[in-house]
Structures are given as structure tokens and as C-alpha cells.
Amino acid sequence: QVQLVESGGGLVQPGGSLRLSCAASGFPFFRNVMSWYRQRPGKERERVARITNAGGAYREYADSVKGRFTISRDNDKNTVYLQMDSVKPEDTAVYYCHTTRSEVEYWGQGTQVTVSS
């Protein structure tokens, strides 16, 4: 049974940093492409970052977070991370971990990130 559990969200001031984690289980983690999505208030869910399987050599970012967010993975810990730096109020959203297995999409429960002074 595939499970994705996010953690690390919270309240952060503009310009600050936060690291989100997603612990995965129930599938061969190292084989899967992993992504982070977010859903801002009143907006559709959007992908913010993606990392390829195995060594994670290829990483892709939404233009809105490029240069500020970094996705990484630790295959020994079955965990994918999203390092968020220089955060802005518009980064306020629920952040979700995502993967696909046998053409079925899996989502975590989400973690709230609020950027406010």
C-alpha cells in the first residue's frame, strides 16, 4: 500500500526558509519520480518541483520557485525533501507530495505552509 506522509510545514516570515519532508512507503522508492505540488487559496493545484528516480540527476522547477526552492531525495530513507528559501507571501499554500505507480497517482495528505509577518 503506497503511503506518502508530508511534514515540516508551518508559519514562516517572508524571506525565511522551511524544509518539507515526504516519507514514502509501500513501493520501491528509488524507482519512482517524485514531485511536490501546491494548492494556493482559490487556485488550482500546481506542480512546483520534480526529481527523477534513482540518483535524482534531473530536477525540474516551476518558474515561480526557480532559484529559491530545491528538491532532493534520500533513497536510503525513502524520503523526498523540498527546501524552500527566500519564501514569499505568495508561497502560502498546502504542499503535497506526489508519485505515480502503474499509472495510478498517489498523494500525501498535504502540509500547510503560511508565509506571513
PDB file of N, CA and C in Angstrom:
ATOM      1  N   GLN A   1       0.848  -1.192   0.000  1.00  0.00           N
ATOM      2  CA  GLN A   1       0.000   0.000   0.000  1.00  0.00           C
ATOM      3  C   GLN A   1       0.882   1.239   0.000  1.00  0.00           C
ATOM      4  N   VAL A   2       0.712   2.059  -1.033  1.00  0.00           N
ATOM      5  CA  VAL A   2       1.525   3.266  -1.152  1.00  0.00           C
ATOM      6  C   VAL A   2       1.074   4.289  -0.114  1.00  0.00           C
ATOM      7  N   GLN A   3       2.049   4.834   0.596  1.00  0.00           N
ATOM      8  CA  GLN A   3       1.764   5.906   1.549  1.00  0.00           C
ATOM      9  C   GLN A   3       2.780   7.014   1.383  1.00  0.00           C
ATOM     10  N   LEU A   4       2.299   8.237   1.422  1.00  0.00           N
ATOM     11  CA  LEU A   4       3.140   9.426   1.372  1.00  0.00           C
ATOM     12  C   LEU A   4       2.736  10.313   2.534  1.00  0.00           C
ATOM     13  N   VAL A   5       3.687  10.642   3.388  1.00  0.00           N
ATOM     14  CA  VAL A   5       3.375  11.429   4.584  1.00  0.00           C
ATOM     15  C   VAL A   5       4.280  12.662   4.615  1.00  0.00           C
ATOM     16  N   GLU A   6       3.661  13.828   4.455  1.00  0.00           N
ATOM     17  CA  GLU A   6       4.417  15.078   4.464  1.00  0.00           C
ATOM     18  C   GLU A   6       4.549  15.601   5.898  1.00  0.00           C
ATOM     19  N   SER A   7       5.602  16.375   6.102  1.00  0.00           N
ATOM     20  CA  SER A   7       5.802  17.060   7.373  1.00  0.00           C
ATOM     21  C   SER A   7       6.680  18.281   7.124  1.00  0.00           C
ATOM     22  N   GLY A   8       6.736  19.155   8.134  1.00  0.00           N
ATOM     23  CA  GLY A   8       7.644  20.291   8.046  1.00  0.00           C
ATOM     24  C   GLY A   8       6.982  21.617   7.740  1.00  0.00           C
ATOM     25  N   GLY A   9       5.694  21.618   7.490  1.00  0.00           N
ATOM     26  CA  GLY A   9       5.019  22.884   7.207  1.00  0.00           C
ATOM     27  C   GLY A   9       4.887  23.733   8.458  1.00  0.00           C
ATOM     28  N   GLY A  10       4.437  24.975   8.258  1.00  0.00           N
ATOM     29  CA  GLY A  10       4.253  25.860   9.389  1.00  0.00           C
ATOM     30  C   GLY A  10       4.221  27.303   8.954  1.00  0.00           C
ATOM     31  N   LEU A  11       4.389  28.183   9.931  1.00  0.00           N
ATOM     32  CA  LEU A  11       4.389  29.623   9.692  1.00  0.00           C
ATOM     33  C   LEU A  11       5.828  30.104   9.551  1.00  0.00           C
ATOM     34  N   VAL A  12       6.104  30.862   8.522  1.00  0.00           N
ATOM     35  CA  VAL A  12       7.449  31.379   8.292  1.00  0.00           C
ATOM     36  C   VAL A  12       7.325  32.822   7.791  1.00  0.00           C
ATOM     37  N   GLN A  13       8.286  33.649   8.171  1.00  0.00           N
ATOM     38  CA  GLN A  13       8.275  35.045   7.742  1.00  0.00           C
ATOM     39  C   GLN A  13       8.784  35.178   6.310  1.00  0.00           C
ATOM     40  N   PRO A  14       8.351  36.208   5.607  1.00  0.00           N
ATOM     41  CA  PRO A  14       8.889  36.443   4.258  1.00  0.00           C
ATOM     42  C   PRO A  14      10.414  36.540   4.294  1.00  0.00           C
ATOM     43  N   GLY A  15      11.041  35.899   3.322  1.00  0.00           N
ATOM     44  CA  GLY A  15      12.492  35.860   3.276  1.00  0.00           C
ATOM     45  C   GLY A  15      13.106  34.708   4.045  1.00  0.00           C
ATOM     46  N   GLY A  16      12.297  34.010   4.803  1.00  0.00           N
ATOM     47  CA  GLY A  16      12.788  32.900   5.610  1.00  0.00           C
ATOM     48  C   GLY A  16      12.872  31.597   4.839  1.00  0.00           C
ATOM     49  N   SER A  17      13.164  30.516   5.586  1.00  0.00           N
ATOM     50  CA  SER A  17      13.341  29.193   4.982  1.00  0.00           C
ATOM     51  C   SER A  17      12.526  28.151   5.728  1.00  0.00           C
ATOM     52  N   LEU A  18      12.233  27.096   4.993  1.00  0.00           N
ATOM     53  CA  LEU A  18      11.489  25.978   5.555  1.00  0.00           C
ATOM     54  C   LEU A  18      11.875  24.743   4.755  1.00  0.00           C
ATOM     55  N   ARG A  19      11.941  23.584   5.407  1.00  0.00           N
ATOM     56  CA  ARG A  19      12.193  22.348   4.678  1.00  0.00           C
ATOM     57  C   ARG A  19      11.045  21.382   4.892  1.00  0.00           C
ATOM     58  N   LEU A  20      10.447  20.973   3.811  1.00  0.00           N
ATOM     59  CA  LEU A  20       9.383  19.977   3.850  1.00  0.00           C
ATOM     60  C   LEU A  20       9.978  18.593   3.597  1.00  0.00           C
ATOM     61  N   SER A  21       9.384  17.594   4.234  1.00  0.00           N
ATOM     62  CA  SER A  21       9.795  16.205   4.030  1.00  0.00           C
ATOM     63  C   SER A  21       8.579  15.372   3.637  1.00  0.00           C
ATOM     64  N   CYS A  22       8.836  14.339   2.856  1.00  0.00           N
ATOM     65  CA  CYS A  22       7.789  13.395   2.487  1.00  0.00           C
ATOM     66  C   CYS A  22       8.356  11.988   2.647  1.00  0.00           C
ATOM     67  N   ALA A  23       7.834  11.270   3.627  1.00  0.00           N
ATOM     68  CA  ALA A  23       8.265   9.893   3.867  1.00  0.00           C
ATOM     69  C   ALA A  23       7.375   8.955   3.066  1.00  0.00           C
ATOM     70  N   ALA A  24       8.008   8.115   2.258  1.00  0.00           N
ATOM     71  CA  ALA A  24       7.273   7.230   1.352  1.00  0.00           C
ATOM     72  C   ALA A  24       7.410   5.777   1.788  1.00  0.00           C
ATOM     73  N   SER A  25       6.379   4.993   1.524  1.00  0.00           N
ATOM     74  CA  SER A  25       6.435   3.570   1.815  1.00  0.00           C
ATOM     75  C   SER A  25       5.467   2.828   0.894  1.00  0.00           C
ATOM     76  N   GLY A  26       5.688   1.510   0.792  1.00  0.00           N
ATOM     77  CA  GLY A  26       4.762   0.675   0.027  1.00  0.00           C
ATOM     78  C   GLY A  26       5.121   0.493  -1.436  1.00  0.00           C
ATOM     79  N   PHE A  27       6.271   1.004  -1.840  1.00  0.00           N
ATOM     80  CA  PHE A  27       6.695   0.840  -3.229  1.00  0.00           C
ATOM     81  C   PHE A  27       8.209   1.029  -3.276  1.00  0.00           C
ATOM     82  N   PRO A  28       8.860   0.574  -4.367  1.00  0.00           N
ATOM     83  CA  PRO A  28      10.319   0.740  -4.485  1.00  0.00           C
ATOM     84  C   PRO A  28      10.671   2.195  -4.775  1.00  0.00           C
ATOM     85  N   PHE A  29      10.902   2.936  -3.730  1.00  0.00           N
ATOM     86  CA  PHE A  29      11.052   4.393  -3.795  1.00  0.00           C
ATOM     87  C   PHE A  29      12.081   4.821  -4.838  1.00  0.00           C
ATOM     88  N   PHE A  30      13.223   4.145  -4.875  1.00  0.00           N
ATOM     89  CA  PHE A  30      14.309   4.598  -5.738  1.00  0.00           C
ATOM     90  C   PHE A  30      13.923   4.554  -7.214  1.00  0.00           C
ATOM     91  N   ARG A  31      12.867   3.802  -7.569  1.00  0.00           N
ATOM     92  CA  ARG A  31      12.457   3.686  -8.972  1.00  0.00           C
ATOM     93  C   ARG A  31      11.498   4.783  -9.396  1.00  0.00           C
ATOM     94  N   ASN A  32      10.975   5.525  -8.449  1.00  0.00           N
ATOM     95  CA  ASN A  32       9.889   6.452  -8.781  1.00  0.00           C
ATOM     96  C   ASN A  32      10.332   7.898  -8.910  1.00  0.00           C
ATOM     97  N   VAL A  33       9.788   8.566  -9.917  1.00  0.00           N
ATOM     98  CA  VAL A  33       9.873  10.011  -9.989  1.00  0.00           C
ATOM     99  C   VAL A  33       8.991  10.575  -8.869  1.00  0.00           C
ATOM    100  N   MET A  34       9.495  11.556  -8.164  1.00  0.00           N
ATOM    101  CA  MET A  34       8.752  12.176  -7.057  1.00  0.00           C
ATOM    102  C   MET A  34       8.552  13.657  -7.342  1.00  0.00           C
ATOM    103  N   SER A  35       7.418  14.172  -6.925  1.00  0.00           N
ATOM    104  CA  SER A  35       7.103  15.578  -7.170  1.00  0.00           C
ATOM    105  C   SER A  35       6.509  16.231  -5.930  1.00  0.00           C
ATOM    106  N   TRP A  36       6.641  17.543  -5.895  1.00  0.00           N
ATOM    107  CA  TRP A  36       5.939  18.377  -4.925  1.00  0.00           C
ATOM    108  C   TRP A  36       4.964  19.258  -5.709  1.00  0.00           C
ATOM    109  N   TYR A  37       3.732  19.305  -5.217  1.00  0.00           N
ATOM    110  CA  TYR A  37       2.708  20.184  -5.747  1.00  0.00           C
ATOM    111  C   TYR A  37       2.273  21.131  -4.629  1.00  0.00           C
ATOM    112  N   ARG A  38       1.574  22.171  -5.021  1.00  0.00           N
ATOM    113  CA  ARG A  38       0.963  23.034  -4.019  1.00  0.00           C
ATOM    114  C   ARG A  38      -0.384  23.540  -4.529  1.00  0.00           C
ATOM    115  N   GLN A  39      -1.233  23.879  -3.566  1.00  0.00           N
ATOM    116  CA  GLN A  39      -2.514  24.474  -3.904  1.00  0.00           C
ATOM    117  C   GLN A  39      -2.676  25.739  -3.086  1.00  0.00           C
ATOM    118  N   ARG A  40      -2.603  26.856  -3.763  1.00  0.00           N
ATOM    119  CA  ARG A  40      -2.766  28.145  -3.099  1.00  0.00           C
ATOM    120  C   ARG A  40      -4.243  28.452  -2.970  1.00  0.00           C
ATOM    121  N   PRO A  41      -4.611  29.308  -2.018  1.00  0.00           N
ATOM    122  CA  PRO A  41      -6.033  29.628  -1.811  1.00  0.00           C
ATOM    123  C   PRO A  41      -6.685  30.127  -3.100  1.00  0.00           C
ATOM    124  N   GLY A  42      -7.775  29.518  -3.477  1.00  0.00           N
ATOM    125  CA  GLY A  42      -8.524  29.943  -4.656  1.00  0.00           C
ATOM    126  C   GLY A  42      -7.895  29.565  -5.984  1.00  0.00           C
ATOM    127  N   LYS A  43      -6.826  28.761  -5.957  1.00  0.00           N
ATOM    128  CA  LYS A  43      -6.127  28.402  -7.189  1.00  0.00           C
ATOM    129  C   LYS A  43      -6.144  26.883  -7.377  1.00  0.00           C
ATOM    130  N   GLU A  44      -5.831  26.466  -8.589  1.00  0.00           N
ATOM    131  CA  GLU A  44      -5.720  25.037  -8.859  1.00  0.00           C
ATOM    132  C   GLU A  44      -4.374  24.503  -8.354  1.00  0.00           C
ATOM    133  N   ARG A  45      -4.353  23.225  -8.128  1.00  0.00           N
ATOM    134  CA  ARG A  45      -3.095  22.597  -7.702  1.00  0.00           C
ATOM    135  C   ARG A  45      -2.077  22.681  -8.837  1.00  0.00           C
ATOM    136  N   GLU A  46      -0.832  22.987  -8.480  1.00  0.00           N
ATOM    137  CA  GLU A  46       0.223  23.143  -9.480  1.00  0.00           C
ATOM    138  C   GLU A  46       1.475  22.425  -9.015  1.00  0.00           C
ATOM    139  N   ARG A  47       2.221  21.917  -9.982  1.00  0.00           N
ATOM    140  CA  ARG A  47       3.475  21.261  -9.638  1.00  0.00           C
ATOM    141  C   ARG A  47       4.560  22.325  -9.450  1.00  0.00           C
ATOM    142  N   VAL A  48       5.321  22.201  -8.384  1.00  0.00           N
ATOM    143  CA  VAL A  48       6.406  23.157  -8.139  1.00  0.00           C
ATOM    144  C   VAL A  48       7.775  22.549  -8.380  1.00  0.00           C
ATOM    145  N   ALA A  49       7.920  21.231  -8.195  1.00  0.00           N
ATOM    146  CA  ALA A  49       9.234  20.623  -8.402  1.00  0.00           C
ATOM    147  C   ALA A  49       9.077  19.126  -8.640  1.00  0.00           C
ATOM    148  N   ARG A  50      10.032  18.591  -9.387  1.00  0.00           N
ATOM    149  CA  ARG A  50      10.020  17.156  -9.708  1.00  0.00           C
ATOM    150  C   ARG A  50      11.458  16.664  -9.748  1.00  0.00           C
ATOM    151  N   ILE A  51      11.670  15.440  -9.303  1.00  0.00           N
ATOM    152  CA  ILE A  51      13.012  14.859  -9.320  1.00  0.00           C
ATOM    153  C   ILE A  51      12.917  13.450  -9.867  1.00  0.00           C
ATOM    154  N   THR A  52      13.863  13.118 -10.733  1.00  0.00           N
ATOM    155  CA  THR A  52      13.844  11.797 -11.349  1.00  0.00           C
ATOM    156  C   THR A  52      14.197  10.720 -10.334  1.00  0.00           C
ATOM    157  N   ASN A  53      14.021   9.466 -10.758  1.00  0.00           N
ATOM    158  CA  ASN A  53      14.253   8.341  -9.878  1.00  0.00           C
ATOM    159  C   ASN A  53      15.743   8.075  -9.700  1.00  0.00           C
ATOM    160  N   ALA A  54      16.040   7.019  -8.991  1.00  0.00           N
ATOM    161  CA  ALA A  54      17.417   6.599  -8.715  1.00  0.00           C
ATOM    162  C   ALA A  54      18.215   7.771  -8.119  1.00  0.00           C
ATOM    163  N   GLY A  55      19.241   8.212  -8.827  1.00  0.00           N
ATOM    164  CA  GLY A  55      20.107   9.244  -8.282  1.00  0.00           C
ATOM    165  C   GLY A  55      19.531  10.645  -8.306  1.00  0.00           C
ATOM    166  N   GLY A  56      18.409  10.814  -8.938  1.00  0.00           N
ATOM    167  CA  GLY A  56      17.795  12.136  -8.958  1.00  0.00           C
ATOM    168  C   GLY A  56      18.618  13.151  -9.733  1.00  0.00           C
ATOM    169  N   ALA A  57      19.175  12.721 -10.858  1.00  0.00           N
ATOM    170  CA  ALA A  57      20.075  13.602 -11.593  1.00  0.00           C
ATOM    171  C   ALA A  57      19.337  14.762 -12.243  1.00  0.00           C
ATOM    172  N   TYR A  58      18.065  14.563 -12.595  1.00  0.00           N
ATOM    173  CA  TYR A  58      17.324  15.609 -13.286  1.00  0.00           C
ATOM    174  C   TYR A  58      16.263  16.177 -12.355  1.00  0.00           C
ATOM    175  N   ARG A  59      16.250  17.504 -12.245  1.00  0.00           N
ATOM    176  CA  ARG A  59      15.281  18.193 -11.396  1.00  0.00           C
ATOM    177  C   ARG A  59      14.632  19.296 -12.219  1.00  0.00           C
ATOM    178  N   GLU A  60      13.365  19.485 -11.977  1.00  0.00           N
ATOM    179  CA  GLU A  60      12.590  20.453 -12.744  1.00  0.00           C
ATOM    180  C   GLU A  60      11.801  21.317 -11.775  1.00  0.00           C
ATOM    181  N   TYR A  61      11.713  22.622 -12.081  1.00  0.00           N
ATOM    182  CA  TYR A  61      11.044  23.552 -11.178  1.00  0.00           C
ATOM    183  C   TYR A  61      10.073  24.444 -11.936  1.00  0.00           C
ATOM    184  N   ALA A  62       9.019  24.834 -11.258  1.00  0.00           N
ATOM    185  CA  ALA A  62       8.139  25.858 -11.796  1.00  0.00           C
ATOM    186  C   ALA A  62       8.897  27.185 -11.824  1.00  0.00           C
ATOM    187  N   ASP A  63       8.577  28.029 -12.790  1.00  0.00           N
ATOM    188  CA  ASP A  63       9.270  29.320 -12.901  1.00  0.00           C
ATOM    189  C   ASP A  63       9.126  30.141 -11.625  1.00  0.00           C
ATOM    190  N   SER A  64       7.999  30.018 -10.966  1.00  0.00           N
ATOM    191  CA  SER A  64       7.716  30.841  -9.786  1.00  0.00           C
ATOM    192  C   SER A  64       8.617  30.505  -8.592  1.00  0.00           C
ATOM    193  N   VAL A  65       9.249  29.323  -8.611  1.00  0.00           N
ATOM    194  CA  VAL A  65      10.089  28.932  -7.462  1.00  0.00           C
ATOM    195  C   VAL A  65      11.541  28.694  -7.846  1.00  0.00           C
ATOM    196  N   LYS A  66      11.829  28.783  -9.139  1.00  0.00           N
ATOM    197  CA  LYS A  66      13.182  28.506  -9.611  1.00  0.00           C
ATOM    198  C   LYS A  66      14.190  29.429  -8.939  1.00  0.00           C
ATOM    199  N   GLY A  67      15.283  28.852  -8.447  1.00  0.00           N
ATOM    200  CA  GLY A  67      16.308  29.630  -7.770  1.00  0.00           C
ATOM    201  C   GLY A  67      16.049  29.829  -6.282  1.00  0.00           C
ATOM    202  N   ARG A  68      14.852  29.456  -5.821  1.00  0.00           N
ATOM    203  CA  ARG A  68      14.523  29.620  -4.392  1.00  0.00           C
ATOM    204  C   ARG A  68      14.241  28.282  -3.727  1.00  0.00           C
ATOM    205  N   PHE A  69      13.668  27.352  -4.445  1.00  0.00           N
ATOM    206  CA  PHE A  69      13.324  26.031  -3.898  1.00  0.00           C
ATOM    207  C   PHE A  69      14.286  24.983  -4.468  1.00  0.00           C
ATOM    208  N   THR A  70      14.562  23.967  -3.656  1.00  0.00           N
ATOM    209  CA  THR A  70      15.414  22.862  -4.094  1.00  0.00           C
ATOM    210  C   THR A  70      14.772  21.541  -3.686  1.00  0.00           C
ATOM    211  N   ILE A  71      14.595  20.662  -4.651  1.00  0.00           N
ATOM    212  CA  ILE A  71      14.079  19.328  -4.367  1.00  0.00           C
ATOM    213  C   ILE A  71      15.246  18.358  -4.303  1.00  0.00           C
ATOM    214  N   SER A  72      15.170  17.421  -3.361  1.00  0.00           N
ATOM    215  CA  SER A  72      16.210  16.406  -3.240  1.00  0.00           C
ATOM    216  C   SER A  72      15.581  15.127  -2.715  1.00  0.00           C
ATOM    217  N   ARG A  73      16.351  14.052  -2.767  1.00  0.00           N
ATOM    218  CA  ARG A  73      15.824  12.774  -2.285  1.00  0.00           C
ATOM    219  C   ARG A  73      16.922  11.994  -1.588  1.00  0.00           C
ATOM    220  N   ASP A  74      16.511  11.177  -0.619  1.00  0.00           N
ATOM    221  CA  ASP A  74      17.410  10.265   0.073  1.00  0.00           C
ATOM    222  C   ASP A  74      16.805   8.878  -0.081  1.00  0.00           C
ATOM    223  N   ASN A  75      17.351   8.092  -0.985  1.00  0.00           N
ATOM    224  CA  ASN A  75      16.780   6.778  -1.282  1.00  0.00           C
ATOM    225  C   ASN A  75      16.971   5.789  -0.124  1.00  0.00           C
ATOM    226  N   ASP A  76      17.968   6.023   0.720  1.00  0.00           N
ATOM    227  CA  ASP A  76      18.156   5.151   1.887  1.00  0.00           C
ATOM    228  C   ASP A  76      17.055   5.369   2.919  1.00  0.00           C
ATOM    229  N   LYS A  77      16.525   6.591   2.967  1.00  0.00           N
ATOM    230  CA  LYS A  77      15.477   6.923   3.926  1.00  0.00           C
ATOM    231  C   LYS A  77      14.083   6.964   3.295  1.00  0.00           C
ATOM    232  N   ASN A  78      13.995   6.667   2.002  1.00  0.00           N
ATOM    233  CA  ASN A  78      12.712   6.724   1.300  1.00  0.00           C
ATOM    234  C   ASN A  78      12.015   8.066   1.520  1.00  0.00           C
ATOM    235  N   THR A  79      12.770   9.120   1.380  1.00  0.00           N
ATOM    236  CA  THR A  79      12.256  10.454   1.686  1.00  0.00           C
ATOM    237  C   THR A  79      12.643  11.440   0.586  1.00  0.00           C
ATOM    238  N   VAL A  80      11.694  12.289   0.249  1.00  0.00           N
ATOM    239  CA  VAL A  80      11.964  13.390  -0.668  1.00  0.00           C
ATOM    240  C   VAL A  80      11.754  14.698   0.091  1.00  0.00           C
ATOM    241  N   TYR A  81      12.584  15.693  -0.216  1.00  0.00           N
ATOM    242  CA  TYR A  81      12.585  16.957   0.505  1.00  0.00           C
ATOM    243  C   TYR A  81      12.291  18.118  -0.437  1.00  0.00           C
ATOM    244  N   LEU A  82      11.786  19.192   0.143  1.00  0.00           N
ATOM    245  CA  LEU A  82      11.667  20.441  -0.580  1.00  0.00           C
ATOM    246  C   LEU A  82      12.225  21.538   0.326  1.00  0.00           C
ATOM    247  N   GLN A  83      13.386  22.034  -0.028  1.00  0.00           N
ATOM    248  CA  GLN A  83      13.989  23.142   0.698  1.00  0.00           C
ATOM    249  C   GLN A  83      13.452  24.432   0.097  1.00  0.00           C
ATOM    250  N   MET A  84      12.830  25.238   0.943  1.00  0.00           N
ATOM    251  CA  MET A  84      12.208  26.475   0.494  1.00  0.00           C
ATOM    252  C   MET A  84      12.973  27.644   1.105  1.00  0.00           C
ATOM    253  N   ASP A  85      13.622  28.423   0.283  1.00  0.00           N
ATOM    254  CA  ASP A  85      14.381  29.588   0.735  1.00  0.00           C
ATOM    255  C   ASP A  85      13.782  30.862   0.143  1.00  0.00           C
ATOM    256  N   SER A  86      14.073  31.969   0.788  1.00  0.00           N
ATOM    257  CA  SER A  86      13.590  33.276   0.310  1.00  0.00           C
ATOM    258  C   SER A  86      12.087  33.222   0.018  1.00  0.00           C
ATOM    259  N   VAL A  87      11.346  32.689   0.950  1.00  0.00           N
ATOM    260  CA  VAL A  87       9.920  32.483   0.715  1.00  0.00           C
ATOM    261  C   VAL A  87       9.189  33.818   0.640  1.00  0.00           C
ATOM    262  N   LYS A  88       8.078  33.788  -0.090  1.00  0.00           N
ATOM    263  CA  LYS A  88       7.267  34.982  -0.303  1.00  0.00           C
ATOM    264  C   LYS A  88       5.834  34.687   0.169  1.00  0.00           C
ATOM    265  N   PRO A  89       5.061  35.734   0.435  1.00  0.00           N
ATOM    266  CA  PRO A  89       3.660  35.502   0.839  1.00  0.00           C
ATOM    267  C   PRO A  89       2.893  34.663  -0.181  1.00  0.00           C
ATOM    268  N   GLU A  90       3.237  34.794  -1.451  1.00  0.00           N
ATOM    269  CA  GLU A  90       2.530  34.029  -2.477  1.00  0.00           C
ATOM    270  C   GLU A  90       2.905  32.549  -2.488  1.00  0.00           C
ATOM    271  N   ASP A  91       3.847  32.152  -1.654  1.00  0.00           N
ATOM    272  CA  ASP A  91       4.159  30.727  -1.495  1.00  0.00           C
ATOM    273  C   ASP A  91       3.217  30.063  -0.488  1.00  0.00           C
ATOM    274  N   THR A  92       2.376  30.846   0.149  1.00  0.00           N
ATOM    275  CA  THR A  92       1.397  30.290   1.077  1.00  0.00           C
ATOM    276  C   THR A  92       0.488  29.308   0.347  1.00  0.00           C
ATOM    277  N   ALA A  93       0.438  28.069   0.846  1.00  0.00           N
ATOM    278  CA  ALA A  93      -0.305  27.010   0.162  1.00  0.00           C
ATOM    279  C   ALA A  93      -0.269  25.739   1.003  1.00  0.00           C
ATOM    280  N   VAL A  94      -1.076  24.787   0.587  1.00  0.00           N
ATOM    281  CA  VAL A  94      -0.923  23.427   1.082  1.00  0.00           C
ATOM    282  C   VAL A  94      -0.011  22.706   0.098  1.00  0.00           C
ATOM    283  N   TYR A  95       1.047  22.100   0.613  1.00  0.00           N
ATOM    284  CA  TYR A  95       2.026  21.424  -0.223  1.00  0.00           C
ATOM    285  C   TYR A  95       1.813  19.905  -0.140  1.00  0.00           C
ATOM    286  N   TYR A  96       1.832  19.279  -1.315  1.00  0.00           N
ATOM    287  CA  TYR A  96       1.547  17.851  -1.414  1.00  0.00           C
ATOM    288  C   TYR A  96       2.708  17.115  -2.081  1.00  0.00           C
ATOM    289  N   CYS A  97       2.981  15.948  -1.584  1.00  0.00           N
ATOM    290  CA  CYS A  97       3.924  15.015  -2.192  1.00  0.00           C
ATOM    291  C   CYS A  97       3.148  14.144  -3.182  1.00  0.00           C
ATOM    292  N   HIS A  98       3.790  13.762  -4.276  1.00  0.00           N
ATOM    293  CA  HIS A  98       3.080  13.032  -5.327  1.00  0.00           C
ATOM    294  C   HIS A  98       4.013  12.033  -6.008  1.00  0.00           C
ATOM    295  N   THR A  99       3.433  10.887  -6.361  1.00  0.00           N
ATOM    296  CA  THR A  99       4.118   9.944  -7.226  1.00  0.00           C
ATOM    297  C   THR A  99       3.082   9.155  -8.018  1.00  0.00           C
ATOM    298  N   THR A 100       3.580   8.432  -9.004  1.00  0.00           N
ATOM    299  CA  THR A 100       2.711   7.616  -9.844  1.00  0.00           C
ATOM    300  C   THR A 100       3.265   6.202  -9.896  1.00  0.00           C
ATOM    301  N   ARG A 101       2.389   5.244  -9.786  1.00  0.00           N
ATOM    302  CA  ARG A 101       2.810   3.844  -9.863  1.00  0.00           C
ATOM    303  C   ARG A 101       1.762   3.082 -10.648  1.00  0.00           C
ATOM    304  N   SER A 102       2.207   2.404 -11.704  1.00  0.00           N
ATOM    305  CA  SER A 102       1.291   1.668 -12.579  1.00  0.00           C
ATOM    306  C   SER A 102       0.139   2.558 -13.036  1.00  0.00           C
ATOM    307  N   GLU A 103       0.487   3.772 -13.406  1.00  0.00           N
ATOM    308  CA  GLU A 103      -0.455   4.762 -13.939  1.00  0.00           C
ATOM    309  C   GLU A 103      -1.483   5.229 -12.923  1.00  0.00           C
ATOM    310  N   VAL A 104      -1.278   4.925 -11.683  1.00  0.00           N
ATOM    311  CA  VAL A 104      -2.152   5.419 -10.618  1.00  0.00           C
ATOM    312  C   VAL A 104      -1.407   6.510  -9.864  1.00  0.00           C
ATOM    313  N   GLU A 105      -2.085   7.633  -9.633  1.00  0.00           N
ATOM    314  CA  GLU A 105      -1.470   8.740  -8.912  1.00  0.00           C
ATOM    315  C   GLU A 105      -1.701   8.596  -7.408  1.00  0.00           C
ATOM    316  N   TYR A 106      -0.662   8.938  -6.645  1.00  0.00           N
ATOM    317  CA  TYR A 106      -0.757   8.902  -5.188  1.00  0.00           C
ATOM    318  C   TYR A 106      -0.371  10.258  -4.633  1.00  0.00           C
ATOM    319  N   TRP A 107      -1.117  10.666  -3.610  1.00  0.00           N
ATOM    320  CA  TRP A 107      -0.894  11.963  -2.968  1.00  0.00           C
ATOM    321  C   TRP A 107      -0.774  11.773  -1.463  1.00  0.00           C
ATOM    322  N   GLY A 108       0.019  12.638  -0.857  1.00  0.00           N
ATOM    323  CA  GLY A 108       0.015  12.704   0.584  1.00  0.00           C
ATOM    324  C   GLY A 108      -1.173  13.529   1.058  1.00  0.00           C
ATOM    325  N   GLN A 109      -1.266  13.699   2.378  1.00  0.00           N
ATOM    326  CA  GLN A 109      -2.390  14.429   2.952  1.00  0.00           C
ATOM    327  C   GLN A 109      -2.190  15.937   2.874  1.00  0.00           C
ATOM    328  N   GLY A 110      -0.956  16.362   2.593  1.00  0.00           N
ATOM    329  CA  GLY A 110      -0.644  17.778   2.481  1.00  0.00           C
ATOM    330  C   GLY A 110      -0.142  18.370   3.788  1.00  0.00           C
ATOM    331  N   THR A 111       0.669  19.415   3.651  1.00  0.00           N
ATOM    332  CA  THR A 111       1.155  20.158   4.805  1.00  0.00           C
ATOM    333  C   THR A 111       1.032  21.651   4.500  1.00  0.00           C
ATOM    334  N   GLN A 112       0.488  22.390   5.465  1.00  0.00           N
ATOM    335  CA  GLN A 112       0.217  23.813   5.256  1.00  0.00           C
ATOM    336  C   GLN A 112       1.491  24.639   5.461  1.00  0.00           C
ATOM    337  N   VAL A 113       1.756  25.513   4.510  1.00  0.00           N
ATOM    338  CA  VAL A 113       2.835  26.488   4.638  1.00  0.00           C
ATOM    339  C   VAL A 113       2.216  27.873   4.552  1.00  0.00           C
ATOM    340  N   THR A 114       2.464  28.677   5.571  1.00  0.00           N
ATOM    341  CA  THR A 114       1.947  30.040   5.601  1.00  0.00           C
ATOM    342  C   THR A 114       3.113  31.008   5.721  1.00  0.00           C
ATOM    343  N   VAL A 115       3.215  31.920   4.763  1.00  0.00           N
ATOM    344  CA  VAL A 115       4.285  32.916   4.760  1.00  0.00           C
ATOM    345  C   VAL A 115       3.670  34.266   5.123  1.00  0.00           C
ATOM    346  N   SER A 116       4.016  34.742   6.299  1.00  0.00           N
ATOM    347  CA  SER A 116       3.417  35.974   6.795  1.00  0.00           C
ATOM    348  C   SER A 116       4.285  36.575   7.884  1.00  0.00           C
ATOM    349  N   SER A 117       4.270  37.883   7.960  1.00  0.00           N
ATOM    350  CA  SER A 117       4.984  38.575   9.037  1.00  0.00           C
ATOM    351  C   SER A 117       4.050  38.842  10.205  1.00  0.00           C
TER     352      SER A 117
END
